[in-house]
């Protein structure tokens, strides 16, 4: 079965849930484009530039 990921509008974290696990009051959307997989944010220049401090999957662009 195919998993449809949704992006948090606040932190851009990808999740299959309808609410963000980090921001429970924030709804997620299916309107996102591209993604990053960050495993070690403390050593990643891309994670630092994107403001990501937790490992996980993140959308590059989220439509509000």
C-alpha atoms as a PDB file:
ATOM      1  CA  UNK A   1       0.000   0.000   0.000  1.00  0.00           C
ATOM      2  CA  UNK A   2       1.312   3.432  -0.942  1.00  0.00           C
ATOM      3  CA  UNK A   3       1.856   5.898   1.912  1.00  0.00           C
ATOM      4  CA  UNK A   4       0.799   9.480   1.187  1.00  0.00           C
ATOM      5  CA  UNK A   5       3.014  11.840   3.130  1.00  0.00           C
ATOM      6  CA  UNK A   6       1.738  15.178   4.357  1.00  0.00           C
ATOM      7  CA  UNK A   7       3.825  18.224   5.302  1.00  0.00           C
ATOM      8  CA  UNK A   8       3.473  20.389   8.394  1.00  0.00           C
ATOM      9  CA  UNK A   9       2.822  23.986   7.378  1.00  0.00           C
ATOM     10  CA  UNK A  10       5.008  25.254  10.219  1.00  0.00           C
ATOM     11  CA  UNK A  11       8.153  23.051  10.269  1.00  0.00           C
ATOM     12  CA  UNK A  12       7.782  21.244   6.877  1.00  0.00           C
ATOM     13  CA  UNK A  13       8.277  17.813   8.488  1.00  0.00           C
ATOM     14  CA  UNK A  14       6.738  14.965   6.459  1.00  0.00           C
ATOM     15  CA  UNK A  15       4.356  12.574   8.183  1.00  0.00           C
ATOM     16  CA  UNK A  16       1.485  10.277   7.131  1.00  0.00           C
ATOM     17  CA  UNK A  17      -0.670  11.817   9.927  1.00  0.00           C
ATOM     18  CA  UNK A  18      -3.181  14.669   9.586  1.00  0.00           C
ATOM     19  CA  UNK A  19      -1.475  16.631  12.378  1.00  0.00           C
ATOM     20  CA  UNK A  20       2.210  17.325  12.940  1.00  0.00           C
ATOM     21  CA  UNK A  21       3.930  15.199  15.630  1.00  0.00           C
ATOM     22  CA  UNK A  22       6.049  18.225  16.657  1.00  0.00           C
ATOM     23  CA  UNK A  23       3.252  20.843  16.455  1.00  0.00           C
ATOM     24  CA  UNK A  24       0.005  19.016  17.417  1.00  0.00           C
ATOM     25  CA  UNK A  25      -2.086  22.166  16.873  1.00  0.00           C
ATOM     26  CA  UNK A  26      -0.857  22.519  13.262  1.00  0.00           C
ATOM     27  CA  UNK A  27      -2.618  20.682  10.410  1.00  0.00           C
ATOM     28  CA  UNK A  28      -0.656  19.076   7.587  1.00  0.00           C
ATOM     29  CA  UNK A  29      -1.160  19.406   3.847  1.00  0.00           C
ATOM     30  CA  UNK A  30      -0.623  17.247   0.776  1.00  0.00           C
ATOM     31  CA  UNK A  31       0.472  20.339  -1.191  1.00  0.00           C
ATOM     32  CA  UNK A  32       4.260  20.071  -0.982  1.00  0.00           C
ATOM     33  CA  UNK A  33       7.170  19.713  -3.414  1.00  0.00           C
ATOM     34  CA  UNK A  34      10.525  17.932  -3.076  1.00  0.00           C
ATOM     35  CA  UNK A  35      11.974  16.507   0.111  1.00  0.00           C
ATOM     36  CA  UNK A  36      15.141  16.155   2.180  1.00  0.00           C
ATOM     37  CA  UNK A  37      16.106  13.241   4.378  1.00  0.00           C
ATOM     38  CA  UNK A  38      18.239  14.504   7.243  1.00  0.00           C
ATOM     39  CA  UNK A  39      20.003  11.873   9.375  1.00  0.00           C
ATOM     40  CA  UNK A  40      22.681  13.925  11.181  1.00  0.00           C
ATOM     41  CA  UNK A  41      21.559  17.570  11.271  1.00  0.00           C
ATOM     42  CA  UNK A  42      24.502  18.676  13.421  1.00  0.00           C
ATOM     43  CA  UNK A  43      26.942  17.748  10.611  1.00  0.00           C
ATOM     44  CA  UNK A  44      24.788  18.816   7.639  1.00  0.00           C
ATOM     45  CA  UNK A  45      25.320  22.182   5.916  1.00  0.00           C
ATOM     46  CA  UNK A  46      21.956  21.748   4.169  1.00  0.00           C
ATOM     47  CA  UNK A  47      20.151  21.165   7.479  1.00  0.00           C
ATOM     48  CA  UNK A  48      21.799  24.257   8.979  1.00  0.00           C
ATOM     49  CA  UNK A  49      20.796  26.377   5.990  1.00  0.00           C
ATOM     50  CA  UNK A  50      17.207  25.051   6.144  1.00  0.00           C
ATOM     51  CA  UNK A  51      17.026  25.571   9.926  1.00  0.00           C
ATOM     52  CA  UNK A  52      16.514  21.851  10.646  1.00  0.00           C
ATOM     53  CA  UNK A  53      17.731  20.559  14.008  1.00  0.00           C
ATOM     54  CA  UNK A  54      15.961  17.168  14.233  1.00  0.00           C
ATOM     55  CA  UNK A  55      16.534  14.102  12.012  1.00  0.00           C
ATOM     56  CA  UNK A  56      13.671  13.200   9.673  1.00  0.00           C
ATOM     57  CA  UNK A  57      12.068  13.847   6.294  1.00  0.00           C
ATOM     58  CA  UNK A  58      11.264  17.442   5.356  1.00  0.00           C
ATOM     59  CA  UNK A  59       9.507  19.069   2.409  1.00  0.00           C
ATOM     60  CA  UNK A  60      11.468  21.660   0.440  1.00  0.00           C
ATOM     61  CA  UNK A  61       8.412  23.743  -0.404  1.00  0.00           C
ATOM     62  CA  UNK A  62       4.989  23.702   1.282  1.00  0.00           C
ATOM     63  CA  UNK A  63       1.986  25.480  -0.182  1.00  0.00           C
ATOM     64  CA  UNK A  64       0.141  27.393   2.509  1.00  0.00           C
END
